[in-house]
N, C-alpha and C. Protein backbone atom coordinates (compact mmCIF):
# COMPACT_ATOMS: atom_id res chain seq x y z
N MET A 1 50.71 5.77 34.08
CA MET A 1 50.11 7.42 34.44
C MET A 1 51.10 8.19 35.04
N SER A 2 50.46 9.35 34.81
CA SER A 2 51.52 10.65 34.77
C SER A 2 51.51 10.87 36.38
N ASP A 3 52.80 11.56 36.82
CA ASP A 3 53.07 11.65 38.42
C ASP A 3 52.70 13.24 38.62
N HIS A 4 52.28 13.51 37.38
CA HIS A 4 52.40 15.08 37.75
C HIS A 4 51.00 15.51 38.53
N ASP A 5 51.11 16.62 39.26
CA ASP A 5 49.99 16.88 40.13
C ASP A 5 49.16 18.20 39.46
N ASP A 6 49.15 18.42 38.45
CA ASP A 6 48.26 19.60 37.74
C ASP A 6 46.97 19.04 37.80
N ILE A 7 46.21 20.28 37.45
CA ILE A 7 44.49 19.82 37.59
C ILE A 7 43.93 18.45 36.58
N VAL A 8 44.65 18.74 35.10
CA VAL A 8 44.38 18.09 34.55
C VAL A 8 44.68 16.43 34.62
N CYS A 9 45.93 16.31 35.06
CA CYS A 9 46.55 15.24 35.33
C CYS A 9 45.67 14.49 36.42
N ARG A 10 45.11 15.15 37.57
CA ARG A 10 44.44 14.73 38.74
C ARG A 10 43.03 14.30 38.00
N ILE A 11 42.28 15.16 37.27
CA ILE A 11 41.06 14.75 36.30
C ILE A 11 41.27 13.31 35.62
N VAL A 12 42.51 13.35 34.53
CA VAL A 12 42.71 12.20 34.23
C VAL A 12 42.68 10.94 34.92
N ARG A 13 43.31 11.23 36.02
CA ARG A 13 43.53 9.94 37.05
C ARG A 13 42.32 9.79 37.95
N GLY A 14 41.34 10.60 37.83
CA GLY A 14 39.70 10.28 38.64
C GLY A 14 39.98 10.87 39.91
N GLU A 15 41.33 11.85 40.10
CA GLU A 15 40.97 12.33 41.56
C GLU A 15 40.25 13.53 41.75
N LEU A 16 40.10 14.19 40.43
CA LEU A 16 39.07 15.35 40.78
C LEU A 16 37.88 15.01 40.05
N ASP A 17 36.86 15.56 40.45
CA ASP A 17 35.45 15.62 39.55
C ASP A 17 35.71 16.45 38.49
N ALA A 18 35.04 16.15 37.27
CA ALA A 18 35.12 17.19 36.42
C ALA A 18 33.83 17.06 35.21
N ALA A 19 33.24 17.84 34.77
CA ALA A 19 32.14 17.53 33.84
C ALA A 19 33.10 17.18 32.35
N VAL A 20 33.37 16.16 32.32
CA VAL A 20 34.07 15.43 30.94
C VAL A 20 32.96 15.09 29.88
N VAL A 21 33.40 15.76 28.73
CA VAL A 21 32.51 15.69 27.65
C VAL A 21 32.90 14.80 26.63
N LEU A 22 34.29 14.39 26.94
CA LEU A 22 34.99 13.16 25.84
C LEU A 22 36.30 12.89 26.16
N ARG A 23 36.35 11.82 25.91
CA ARG A 23 37.75 11.01 26.67
C ARG A 23 37.74 9.73 25.52
N THR A 24 39.22 10.09 24.95
CA THR A 24 40.17 9.15 24.09
C THR A 24 41.49 8.71 24.63
N ASP A 25 41.89 8.01 24.11
CA ASP A 25 43.19 7.22 24.68
C ASP A 25 44.44 8.41 24.73
N ASP A 26 44.03 9.41 23.72
CA ASP A 26 44.85 10.75 23.47
C ASP A 26 44.36 11.83 24.36
N LEU A 27 43.06 12.06 24.26
CA LEU A 27 42.79 13.39 24.82
C LEU A 27 41.57 13.19 26.09
N VAL A 28 41.57 14.25 26.63
CA VAL A 28 40.50 14.70 27.35
C VAL A 28 39.75 16.05 27.07
N GLY A 29 38.50 15.95 27.09
CA GLY A 29 37.68 17.48 27.13
C GLY A 29 36.83 17.29 28.06
N PHE A 30 36.48 18.62 28.90
CA PHE A 30 36.06 18.91 30.23
C PHE A 30 35.58 20.30 30.09
N LEU A 31 34.58 20.71 31.02
CA LEU A 31 34.09 21.71 30.80
C LEU A 31 34.89 22.69 31.77
N ASP A 32 35.05 23.76 31.44
CA ASP A 32 35.58 24.74 32.34
C ASP A 32 34.98 25.20 33.72
N HIS A 33 35.24 25.12 34.89
CA HIS A 33 34.61 25.36 35.93
C HIS A 33 34.49 27.17 36.01
N ARG A 34 35.12 27.68 35.64
CA ARG A 34 34.90 29.22 35.48
C ARG A 34 34.70 29.81 34.00
N PRO A 35 33.85 29.20 33.27
CA PRO A 35 33.58 29.52 31.68
C PRO A 35 33.50 30.86 31.44
N LEU A 36 34.03 31.08 30.21
CA LEU A 36 33.94 32.67 29.38
C LEU A 36 32.12 32.58 29.20
N PHE A 37 31.78 31.56 28.64
CA PHE A 37 30.52 31.10 28.27
C PHE A 37 30.04 29.68 28.78
N LYS A 38 28.77 29.84 29.06
CA LYS A 38 28.28 28.03 29.54
C LYS A 38 28.69 27.19 28.17
N GLY A 39 29.26 26.05 28.45
CA GLY A 39 29.55 25.20 27.50
C GLY A 39 31.31 25.56 27.02
N HIS A 40 31.93 26.19 27.72
CA HIS A 40 33.23 26.48 27.39
C HIS A 40 34.21 25.28 27.83
N VAL A 41 34.86 24.56 26.89
CA VAL A 41 35.19 23.38 27.03
C VAL A 41 36.78 23.38 26.70
N LEU A 42 37.53 22.93 27.66
CA LEU A 42 38.88 22.41 28.09
C LEU A 42 39.36 21.31 27.14
N LEU A 43 40.33 21.09 26.65
CA LEU A 43 40.49 20.20 25.21
C LEU A 43 42.27 20.11 25.96
N SER A 44 42.33 18.80 26.24
CA SER A 44 43.86 18.56 26.61
C SER A 44 44.51 17.12 26.43
N PRO A 45 45.74 16.81 26.33
CA PRO A 45 46.21 15.81 26.10
C PRO A 45 46.08 14.87 27.41
N VAL A 46 45.91 13.48 27.31
CA VAL A 46 45.85 12.90 28.51
C VAL A 46 47.00 12.65 29.13
N ARG A 47 48.29 12.50 28.41
CA ARG A 47 49.47 12.37 28.90
C ARG A 47 49.75 13.92 29.27
N HIS A 48 50.78 13.85 30.32
CA HIS A 48 51.27 15.27 30.66
C HIS A 48 51.95 15.77 29.48
N VAL A 49 51.76 17.10 29.12
CA VAL A 49 52.34 17.93 28.09
C VAL A 49 52.28 19.41 28.48
N ASP A 50 53.30 19.93 29.00
CA ASP A 50 53.32 21.26 29.37
C ASP A 50 52.86 22.38 28.47
N THR A 51 53.51 22.23 27.21
CA THR A 51 53.10 23.75 26.68
C THR A 51 53.31 23.01 25.10
N LEU A 52 52.55 23.85 24.30
CA LEU A 52 52.46 23.64 22.91
C LEU A 52 53.82 23.23 22.23
N LEU A 53 54.87 23.70 22.69
CA LEU A 53 56.36 23.44 22.20
C LEU A 53 56.82 21.80 22.71
N ASP A 54 55.92 21.56 23.55
CA ASP A 54 56.17 19.97 24.09
C ASP A 54 55.36 19.04 23.31
N LEU A 55 54.52 19.33 22.77
CA LEU A 55 53.44 18.68 22.05
C LEU A 55 53.76 17.85 20.93
N PRO A 56 54.24 16.41 21.30
CA PRO A 56 54.44 15.67 20.18
C PRO A 56 53.49 15.36 19.20
N ALA A 57 54.46 15.31 17.98
CA ALA A 57 54.11 15.43 16.46
C ALA A 57 52.58 14.72 16.18
N GLU A 58 52.87 13.44 16.93
CA GLU A 58 51.99 12.68 16.85
C GLU A 58 50.13 13.06 17.35
N LEU A 59 50.51 14.05 18.69
CA LEU A 59 49.20 14.45 18.92
C LEU A 59 48.97 15.69 18.30
N MET A 60 49.09 16.21 17.64
CA MET A 60 48.95 17.66 16.83
C MET A 60 47.84 17.12 16.13
N THR A 61 47.61 16.41 15.24
CA THR A 61 46.18 16.17 14.13
C THR A 61 45.08 15.84 15.45
N PRO A 62 45.14 14.97 16.34
CA PRO A 62 44.35 14.39 16.82
C PRO A 62 43.77 15.62 17.77
N LEU A 63 44.57 16.56 18.19
CA LEU A 63 44.04 17.87 19.17
C LEU A 63 43.45 18.50 18.25
N LEU A 64 43.93 18.97 17.00
CA LEU A 64 43.18 19.89 16.47
C LEU A 64 41.95 19.45 15.69
N THR A 65 41.78 18.39 15.43
CA THR A 65 40.73 17.93 14.71
C THR A 65 39.64 17.34 15.90
N THR A 66 40.16 17.25 17.02
CA THR A 66 39.10 16.99 18.16
C THR A 66 38.69 18.44 18.51
N ALA A 67 39.27 19.35 18.30
CA ALA A 67 38.93 20.75 18.80
C ALA A 67 37.72 21.08 17.87
N GLN A 68 37.90 20.75 16.64
CA GLN A 68 37.00 21.41 15.46
C GLN A 68 35.92 20.53 15.62
N ARG A 69 35.61 19.24 16.33
CA ARG A 69 34.50 18.32 16.53
C ARG A 69 33.61 19.37 17.62
N VAL A 70 34.43 19.69 18.55
CA VAL A 70 34.06 20.24 19.94
C VAL A 70 33.19 21.37 19.32
N ALA A 71 34.12 22.19 18.67
CA ALA A 71 33.31 23.33 17.99
C ALA A 71 32.13 23.07 17.25
N ALA A 72 32.25 22.33 16.58
CA ALA A 72 30.80 21.83 15.73
C ALA A 72 29.86 21.64 16.62
N ALA A 73 30.10 20.45 17.83
CA ALA A 73 29.16 20.30 18.50
C ALA A 73 28.68 21.43 19.30
N LEU A 74 29.29 22.34 19.84
CA LEU A 74 28.91 23.34 20.14
C LEU A 74 27.87 24.21 19.89
N GLY A 75 28.31 24.24 18.11
CA GLY A 75 27.25 24.86 17.32
C GLY A 75 25.89 24.31 17.17
N THR A 76 26.07 22.96 17.15
CA THR A 76 24.77 22.04 16.92
C THR A 76 23.90 22.13 18.27
N GLU A 77 24.75 22.01 19.58
CA GLU A 77 24.22 21.68 20.82
C GLU A 77 23.70 22.70 21.14
N LEU A 78 24.38 24.10 21.27
CA LEU A 78 24.14 25.36 22.18
C LEU A 78 23.46 26.01 21.13
N GLY A 79 23.52 26.23 19.76
CA GLY A 79 23.06 27.21 18.81
C GLY A 79 24.08 28.39 18.90
N CYS A 80 25.26 28.14 19.47
CA CYS A 80 26.02 29.12 19.41
C CYS A 80 26.58 29.80 17.49
N GLN A 81 26.75 30.93 17.44
CA GLN A 81 27.15 31.34 15.91
C GLN A 81 28.69 30.84 15.56
N GLY A 82 29.27 30.95 16.59
CA GLY A 82 30.69 30.44 16.20
C GLY A 82 31.60 30.01 17.43
N THR A 83 32.85 30.11 17.24
CA THR A 83 33.34 29.46 18.56
C THR A 83 34.73 30.38 18.61
N PHE A 84 35.41 30.47 19.73
CA PHE A 84 36.81 31.19 20.18
C PHE A 84 37.13 29.93 20.43
N VAL A 85 38.60 29.75 19.92
CA VAL A 85 39.57 28.42 19.90
C VAL A 85 41.11 29.20 20.43
N ALA A 86 41.32 29.13 21.34
CA ALA A 86 42.98 29.52 22.00
C ALA A 86 43.54 28.71 22.76
N MET A 87 44.67 29.00 22.89
CA MET A 87 45.43 28.16 23.84
C MET A 87 46.78 29.08 24.13
N ASN A 88 46.72 29.37 25.62
CA ASN A 88 47.67 29.87 26.00
C ASN A 88 49.03 29.10 25.96
N ASN A 89 50.29 29.74 26.04
CA ASN A 89 51.72 29.13 25.94
C ASN A 89 52.69 29.65 27.00
N VAL A 90 52.57 28.99 28.27
CA VAL A 90 53.38 29.76 29.28
C VAL A 90 52.69 30.98 30.02
N VAL A 91 52.64 32.09 29.44
CA VAL A 91 52.20 33.07 29.71
C VAL A 91 50.71 33.28 29.53
N SER A 92 49.97 33.32 30.80
CA SER A 92 48.66 33.40 30.91
C SER A 92 47.96 31.82 30.90
N GLN A 93 48.97 31.10 31.06
CA GLN A 93 48.82 29.42 31.23
C GLN A 93 48.52 29.18 32.47
N SER A 94 47.08 29.46 33.16
CA SER A 94 47.10 28.87 34.68
C SER A 94 47.06 27.45 34.85
N VAL A 95 47.04 26.77 33.92
CA VAL A 95 47.61 25.00 34.42
C VAL A 95 48.53 24.79 33.70
N PRO A 96 49.70 24.12 34.49
CA PRO A 96 50.91 23.87 33.64
C PRO A 96 50.70 22.58 32.69
N HIS A 97 49.59 22.55 32.27
CA HIS A 97 49.55 21.28 31.22
C HIS A 97 48.71 21.84 30.05
N LEU A 98 48.91 21.67 28.79
CA LEU A 98 48.35 22.22 27.67
C LEU A 98 46.96 21.87 27.64
N HIS A 99 46.34 23.07 27.25
CA HIS A 99 44.70 22.89 27.14
C HIS A 99 44.54 23.93 25.87
N VAL A 100 43.48 23.50 25.27
CA VAL A 100 42.86 24.46 24.15
C VAL A 100 41.69 24.67 24.74
N HIS A 101 41.12 26.21 24.64
CA HIS A 101 40.00 26.60 25.19
C HIS A 101 38.89 26.55 23.60
N VAL A 102 37.58 26.10 23.79
CA VAL A 102 36.83 26.03 22.89
C VAL A 102 35.48 26.46 23.39
N VAL A 103 35.17 27.85 23.01
CA VAL A 103 34.32 28.66 23.61
C VAL A 103 33.34 29.22 22.68
N PRO A 104 31.80 28.92 23.15
CA PRO A 104 30.54 29.09 22.31
C PRO A 104 30.82 30.81 22.35
N ARG A 105 30.63 31.21 20.88
CA ARG A 105 30.22 32.66 20.63
C ARG A 105 28.83 32.91 20.08
N THR A 106 28.73 34.10 20.27
CA THR A 106 27.48 34.38 19.54
C THR A 106 27.61 36.17 19.34
N LYS A 107 26.98 36.59 18.51
CA LYS A 107 27.06 38.38 18.48
C LYS A 107 26.50 39.10 19.22
N GLY A 108 27.34 40.07 19.66
CA GLY A 108 27.15 40.74 21.04
C GLY A 108 27.17 39.91 22.19
N ASP A 109 27.70 38.87 22.28
CA ASP A 109 28.11 38.20 23.80
C ASP A 109 29.00 39.04 24.70
N GLY A 110 29.56 40.18 24.12
CA GLY A 110 29.85 40.93 25.05
C GLY A 110 31.64 40.82 25.15
N LEU A 111 32.03 39.83 24.66
CA LEU A 111 33.49 39.53 24.64
C LEU A 111 34.24 40.04 23.55
N LYS A 112 35.18 41.28 24.22
CA LYS A 112 35.75 42.37 23.38
C LYS A 112 37.40 41.98 23.71
N GLY A 113 38.22 42.09 22.83
CA GLY A 113 39.31 41.92 23.13
C GLY A 113 40.11 40.90 24.39
N PHE A 114 40.60 41.35 25.05
CA PHE A 114 41.19 40.44 26.10
C PHE A 114 40.51 40.50 27.51
N PHE A 115 39.52 41.50 27.39
CA PHE A 115 38.47 41.44 28.55
C PHE A 115 37.72 40.36 28.65
N TRP A 116 38.18 39.47 29.31
CA TRP A 116 37.18 38.09 29.43
C TRP A 116 36.70 37.94 30.83
N PRO A 117 35.49 38.66 30.96
CA PRO A 117 34.60 38.19 32.41
C PRO A 117 34.37 36.52 32.26
N ARG A 118 34.37 36.36 33.56
CA ARG A 118 34.07 34.67 33.91
C ARG A 118 32.58 34.67 34.32
N THR A 119 31.78 33.55 34.18
CA THR A 119 30.52 33.30 34.82
C THR A 119 30.39 32.13 35.51
N ARG A 120 29.60 31.90 36.21
CA ARG A 120 29.50 30.23 36.89
C ARG A 120 28.01 29.68 36.50
N TYR A 121 28.26 28.59 36.70
CA TYR A 121 26.93 27.86 36.29
C TYR A 121 26.21 27.54 37.43
N ALA A 122 24.77 27.77 37.57
CA ALA A 122 23.88 27.57 38.74
C ALA A 122 24.20 26.03 39.15
N ASP A 123 23.31 25.84 40.14
CA ASP A 123 23.65 24.13 40.62
C ASP A 123 23.12 23.01 39.59
N GLY A 124 23.54 22.10 39.37
CA GLY A 124 23.19 21.15 38.35
C GLY A 124 23.45 21.42 37.10
N GLU A 125 23.66 22.65 36.64
CA GLU A 125 23.60 23.57 35.03
C GLU A 125 24.87 22.92 34.54
N MET A 126 25.92 22.81 34.74
CA MET A 126 27.07 22.40 34.64
C MET A 126 27.07 20.94 34.15
N GLU A 127 26.58 19.94 34.77
CA GLU A 127 26.10 18.54 34.25
C GLU A 127 25.33 18.52 32.83
N THR A 128 24.25 19.33 32.73
CA THR A 128 23.25 19.26 31.89
C THR A 128 23.89 19.74 30.77
N TYR A 129 24.89 20.67 30.78
CA TYR A 129 25.66 21.40 29.80
C TYR A 129 26.49 20.17 29.06
N ALA A 130 27.25 19.33 30.28
CA ALA A 130 28.19 18.29 29.62
C ALA A 130 27.45 17.42 28.98
N ASP A 131 26.15 17.01 29.41
CA ASP A 131 25.21 15.79 28.77
C ASP A 131 24.91 16.28 27.34
N ARG A 132 24.70 17.52 27.28
CA ARG A 132 24.43 17.86 25.94
C ARG A 132 25.39 17.53 25.09
N ILE A 133 26.54 18.08 25.42
CA ILE A 133 27.70 18.38 24.56
C ILE A 133 28.19 16.97 24.36
N ARG A 134 27.94 16.06 25.27
CA ARG A 134 28.52 14.85 24.87
C ARG A 134 27.40 13.99 23.95
N ALA A 135 26.28 14.47 23.87
CA ALA A 135 25.24 13.81 23.10
C ALA A 135 25.65 14.21 21.68
N ALA A 136 25.95 15.62 21.53
CA ALA A 136 26.61 16.05 20.37
C ALA A 136 27.53 15.41 19.57
N LEU A 137 28.70 15.40 20.57
CA LEU A 137 29.70 14.50 19.95
C LEU A 137 29.87 13.11 19.64
N ALA A 138 28.50 12.50 20.25
CA ALA A 138 28.41 11.21 20.19
C ALA A 138 27.61 10.84 18.91
N GLY A 139 26.78 12.10 18.66
CA GLY A 139 25.77 11.76 17.51
C GLY A 139 26.44 11.96 15.93
C-alpha cells in the first residue's frame, strides 16, 4: 500500500468515502465531488503516480482504454452526446496523484474554453449516478 497522503491514495486505502464506479488491480474510478457536470468521473492509477511523466509504460494502455470505456458508459447510461477527457500535469493539478477527468457533455451545456463552473449533487444523488455508471460499465 502507498504511504502517500493524497486524496486518491486515501480513497484506495479505504480511508475516505468516495462514489467508486470501478476498481481494478491497476485503476480506480470515482465521481468528482465537485463535478463540471453530474457523472464527472476521475480515473487514477491505484499505485501512487504523481504526473503523466511518472506513469509507468505498463499503465498507459489500461488507463486510456479504461477512460474510453468510462466515456462510452457515460454516453450509454447518462445519454450525453460526448465527453471531455482531460488531464492536468502539475499546473492546475489540484491533487498530486495522476487523474484523468472523463466529463459527460451535451451541446449547449455551457462549458466554454477554460471557464469551468462546478456543480453539486443533491443529497443521495451522487450514489445514484455512481450506481448507474457502475451498471453501465458492468454491462
